Amino acid sequence: MKKKITTALAAGVLAFTMSASTSFAAFTDVSPRYETEVNYLITNNYAQGLTSTKFGTTHSIKRIDAAVMVARALGFTEASNLPDAGFTDVPTSRAWAVNALAARGVFSGKTTTQFGAADTMTRNEMAKVIAVAYGLGVSSDPIPFTDVNQRFAPYVGALVQNGITSGKSLTSFGADEPITRGDFAIFVYKAEGLSKVEPPEVEEVS
């Protein structure tokens, strides 16, 4: 199983690298570590730069901004007509994204009426969103990170199991730290590699 996942991920990375290279985003704050992933998000219109020359790689993400980017990645648009999730702190112009993800179980609110739109997204929260959004399931395998609580451990474990993250260090995931736009790009890029690329079928063996 691990070999199949690794093969699919490698094929996905190659395909996405070719796609991203066709439209280079000239951001001065994107290092080689993030270049392919950021270009992929920009090329596919999942995200935009903070300015014409800054992607904001090290900047944190608000929950409402994360919702819009994930909704776009999943194929939802402003034209998506889904039931109102009932959050009073979500701007009308972005309600489509929150409604779509709430209906799909990807995002939940801080309360029944508050989404926490302006709150910063943590790495723990993003792990859950990515795992649920891309159908990675949960993992009961032990993880080496001492800063991840029981609530989020199954989702962080799923990301580790699928090669999406290896944490901030050998023992720290940075669970309660804000997710940066650069790391968000990496999470989405790798998750899409797993969800969209299927192993080739063998038709004949001689």
Protein backbone atom coordinates (compact mmCIF):
# COMPACT_ATOMS: atom_id res chain seq x y z
CA MET A 1 0.00 0.00 0.00
CA LYS A 2 2.82 2.38 0.94
CA LYS A 3 4.53 1.66 -2.40
CA LYS A 4 1.34 2.48 -4.33
CA ILE A 5 0.91 5.78 -2.48
CA THR A 6 4.54 6.75 -3.12
CA THR A 7 4.21 5.91 -6.82
CA ALA A 8 1.02 7.92 -7.17
CA LEU A 9 2.50 10.88 -5.34
CA ALA A 10 5.62 10.87 -7.51
CA ALA A 11 3.54 10.80 -10.67
CA GLY A 12 1.33 13.57 -9.35
CA VAL A 13 4.26 15.81 -8.47
CA LEU A 14 5.67 15.41 -11.97
CA ALA A 15 2.37 16.25 -13.61
CA PHE A 16 1.77 19.25 -11.37
CA THR A 17 5.32 20.53 -11.90
CA MET A 18 4.74 20.56 -15.63
CA SER A 19 1.43 22.37 -15.14
CA ALA A 20 2.85 24.98 -12.77
CA SER A 21 5.86 25.70 -14.97
CA THR A 22 3.61 26.91 -17.76
CA SER A 23 2.62 29.98 -15.75
CA PHE A 24 5.37 31.29 -13.50
CA ALA A 25 4.20 33.56 -10.70
CA ALA A 26 6.83 36.26 -10.25
CA PHE A 27 6.68 36.60 -6.49
CA THR A 28 9.87 37.84 -4.87
CA ASP A 29 9.13 36.13 -1.54
CA VAL A 30 8.74 32.59 -2.88
CA SER A 31 11.87 30.51 -2.31
CA PRO A 32 12.69 27.39 -4.34
CA ARG A 33 11.20 25.31 -1.51
CA TYR A 34 7.72 26.66 -2.28
CA GLU A 35 8.00 27.63 -5.95
CA THR A 36 6.31 24.63 -7.56
CA GLU A 37 3.51 24.48 -5.01
CA VAL A 38 2.74 28.21 -5.08
CA ASN A 39 2.75 28.26 -8.86
CA TYR A 40 0.32 25.34 -8.86
CA LEU A 41 -2.13 27.20 -6.64
CA ILE A 42 -1.83 30.38 -8.70
CA THR A 43 -2.11 28.59 -12.06
CA ASN A 44 -5.27 26.80 -10.93
CA ASN A 45 -6.75 29.95 -9.39
CA TYR A 46 -6.94 28.44 -5.91
CA ALA A 47 -5.14 31.45 -4.43
CA GLN A 48 -3.84 34.89 -5.31
CA GLY A 49 -0.85 36.85 -4.13
CA LEU A 50 -1.15 39.45 -1.40
CA THR A 51 0.25 41.88 -3.98
CA SER A 52 1.51 41.56 -7.55
CA THR A 53 5.00 40.73 -6.26
CA LYS A 54 4.32 39.11 -2.86
CA PHE A 55 2.58 35.79 -2.30
CA GLY A 56 2.93 36.14 1.47
CA THR A 57 4.68 32.79 1.87
CA THR A 58 5.41 33.26 5.59
CA HIS A 59 2.12 35.00 6.39
CA SER A 60 -0.57 33.21 8.39
CA ILE A 61 -4.03 32.45 6.98
CA LYS A 62 -7.38 33.47 8.38
CA ARG A 63 -10.08 30.80 8.52
CA ILE A 64 -12.23 32.59 5.96
CA ASP A 65 -9.33 32.86 3.50
CA ALA A 66 -8.51 29.18 3.97
CA ALA A 67 -12.15 28.29 3.34
CA VAL A 68 -12.17 30.16 0.03
CA MET A 69 -8.93 28.55 -1.16
CA VAL A 70 -9.99 25.03 -0.19
CA ALA A 71 -13.44 25.50 -1.73
CA ARG A 72 -11.88 26.57 -5.01
CA ALA A 73 -9.50 23.61 -4.90
CA LEU A 74 -12.49 21.28 -4.52
CA GLY A 75 -14.22 22.81 -7.52
CA PHE A 76 -16.79 25.03 -5.82
CA THR A 77 -17.43 28.55 -7.17
CA GLU A 78 -19.44 31.63 -6.33
CA ALA A 79 -22.24 30.05 -8.35
CA SER A 80 -22.44 27.05 -6.00
CA ASN A 81 -25.92 27.04 -4.48
CA LEU A 82 -25.79 25.34 -1.11
CA PRO A 83 -27.77 25.81 2.11
CA ASP A 84 -26.72 28.65 4.37
CA ALA A 85 -24.55 27.35 7.19
CA GLY A 86 -25.96 29.95 9.59
CA PHE A 87 -22.75 31.76 10.54
CA THR A 88 -23.29 35.45 11.22
CA ASP A 89 -19.62 36.47 10.99
CA VAL A 90 -19.02 35.36 7.40
CA PRO A 91 -18.98 38.12 4.74
CA THR A 92 -21.75 37.69 2.17
CA SER A 93 -19.25 37.66 -0.68
CA ARG A 94 -17.52 34.59 0.78
CA ALA A 95 -20.46 32.74 2.23
CA TRP A 96 -20.55 30.42 -0.81
CA ALA A 97 -17.22 28.87 0.22
CA VAL A 98 -18.13 28.37 3.87
CA ASN A 99 -21.55 26.99 2.95
CA ALA A 100 -20.00 24.52 0.52
CA LEU A 101 -17.40 23.24 2.97
CA ALA A 102 -19.80 23.11 5.91
CA ALA A 103 -22.26 21.07 3.83
CA ARG A 104 -19.47 18.66 2.95
CA GLY A 105 -18.25 18.38 6.55
CA VAL A 106 -14.84 19.87 5.78
CA PHE A 107 -15.23 22.91 8.04
CA SER A 108 -17.21 23.45 11.19
CA GLY A 109 -17.79 26.64 13.12
CA LYS A 110 -16.44 27.74 16.46
CA THR A 111 -20.10 27.81 17.60
CA THR A 112 -23.40 27.24 15.82
CA THR A 113 -23.49 30.87 14.74
CA GLN A 114 -19.80 31.86 14.66
CA PHE A 115 -17.42 30.51 12.03
CA GLY A 116 -14.42 32.34 13.45
CA ALA A 117 -13.90 33.96 10.08
CA ALA A 118 -11.20 36.39 11.18
CA ASP A 119 -9.39 33.88 13.41
CA THR A 120 -6.00 32.55 12.37
CA MET A 121 -5.96 28.97 11.08
CA THR A 122 -3.72 26.62 13.07
CA ARG A 123 -1.69 23.76 11.66
CA ASN A 124 -3.86 21.33 13.63
CA GLU A 125 -7.02 22.76 12.06
CA MET A 126 -5.52 22.68 8.58
CA ALA A 127 -4.52 19.04 9.03
CA LYS A 128 -8.15 18.15 9.72
CA VAL A 129 -9.42 20.21 6.79
CA ILE A 130 -6.97 18.65 4.33
CA ALA A 131 -7.61 15.10 5.58
CA VAL A 132 -11.40 15.48 5.32
CA ALA A 133 -11.44 17.52 2.10
CA TYR A 134 -9.31 15.04 0.19
CA GLY A 135 -10.72 11.87 1.70
CA LEU A 136 -7.49 10.80 3.39
CA GLY A 137 -9.38 9.33 6.30
CA VAL A 138 -7.88 9.15 9.76
CA SER A 139 -4.97 7.20 11.18
CA SER A 140 -4.77 5.35 14.48
CA ASP A 141 -1.03 4.83 14.10
CA PRO A 142 1.07 6.58 16.76
CA ILE A 143 2.69 9.84 15.68
CA PRO A 144 6.00 11.20 17.01
CA PHE A 145 4.66 14.70 17.71
CA THR A 146 4.20 15.50 21.39
CA ASP A 147 2.27 18.72 20.74
CA VAL A 148 -0.73 17.19 18.95
CA ASN A 149 -3.75 16.45 21.14
CA GLN A 150 -6.10 13.48 20.80
CA ARG A 151 -8.69 15.47 18.86
CA PHE A 152 -6.36 16.20 15.94
CA ALA A 153 -3.95 13.26 16.14
CA PRO A 154 -5.95 11.05 13.70
CA TYR A 155 -5.88 13.79 11.04
CA VAL A 156 -2.23 14.70 11.54
CA GLY A 157 -1.49 10.99 11.42
CA ALA A 158 -3.30 10.71 8.08
CA LEU A 159 -1.14 13.48 6.63
CA VAL A 160 2.02 11.83 7.93
CA GLN A 161 0.94 8.44 6.62
CA ASN A 162 0.35 9.90 3.16
CA GLY A 163 3.63 11.81 3.03
CA ILE A 164 2.03 15.25 3.14
CA THR A 165 3.91 16.46 6.21
CA SER A 166 6.80 15.44 8.41
CA GLY A 167 6.30 18.11 11.05
CA LYS A 168 8.39 21.07 12.14
CA SER A 169 10.87 18.75 13.86
CA LEU A 170 11.12 15.08 14.82
CA THR A 171 8.85 15.61 17.82
CA SER A 172 6.94 18.81 17.03
CA PHE A 173 4.19 19.37 14.47
CA GLY A 174 3.74 23.02 15.43
CA ALA A 175 0.15 22.08 16.22
CA ASP A 176 -1.10 25.38 17.59
CA GLU A 177 1.06 27.58 15.38
CA PRO A 178 -0.58 29.46 12.50
CA ILE A 179 -0.42 27.66 9.17
CA THR A 180 1.56 29.79 6.72
CA ARG A 181 0.50 30.37 3.15
CA GLY A 182 3.61 28.56 1.96
CA ASP A 183 2.93 25.44 4.03
CA PHE A 184 -0.72 25.57 3.01
CA ALA A 185 0.39 25.47 -0.63
CA ILE A 186 2.50 22.38 0.08
CA PHE A 187 -0.35 20.60 1.89
CA VAL A 188 -2.84 21.21 -0.92
CA TYR A 189 -0.37 20.36 -3.67
CA LYS A 190 0.57 17.02 -2.13
CA ALA A 191 -3.02 16.14 -1.21
CA GLU A 192 -4.15 16.75 -4.78
CA GLY A 193 -1.35 14.53 -6.02
CA LEU A 194 -2.82 11.67 -3.99
CA SER A 195 -6.46 12.31 -4.81
CA LYS A 196 -6.23 12.92 -8.55
CA VAL A 197 -3.59 10.47 -9.75
CA GLU A 198 -4.57 6.81 -10.08
CA PRO A 199 -2.05 3.99 -10.56
CA PRO A 200 -1.93 2.82 -14.21
CA GLU A 201 -3.74 -0.39 -15.04
CA VAL A 202 -1.73 -3.33 -16.31
CA GLU A 203 -3.49 -4.66 -19.41
CA GLU A 204 -1.13 -7.44 -20.38
CA VAL A 205 1.93 -9.10 -18.92
CA SER A 206 4.18 -11.15 -21.18
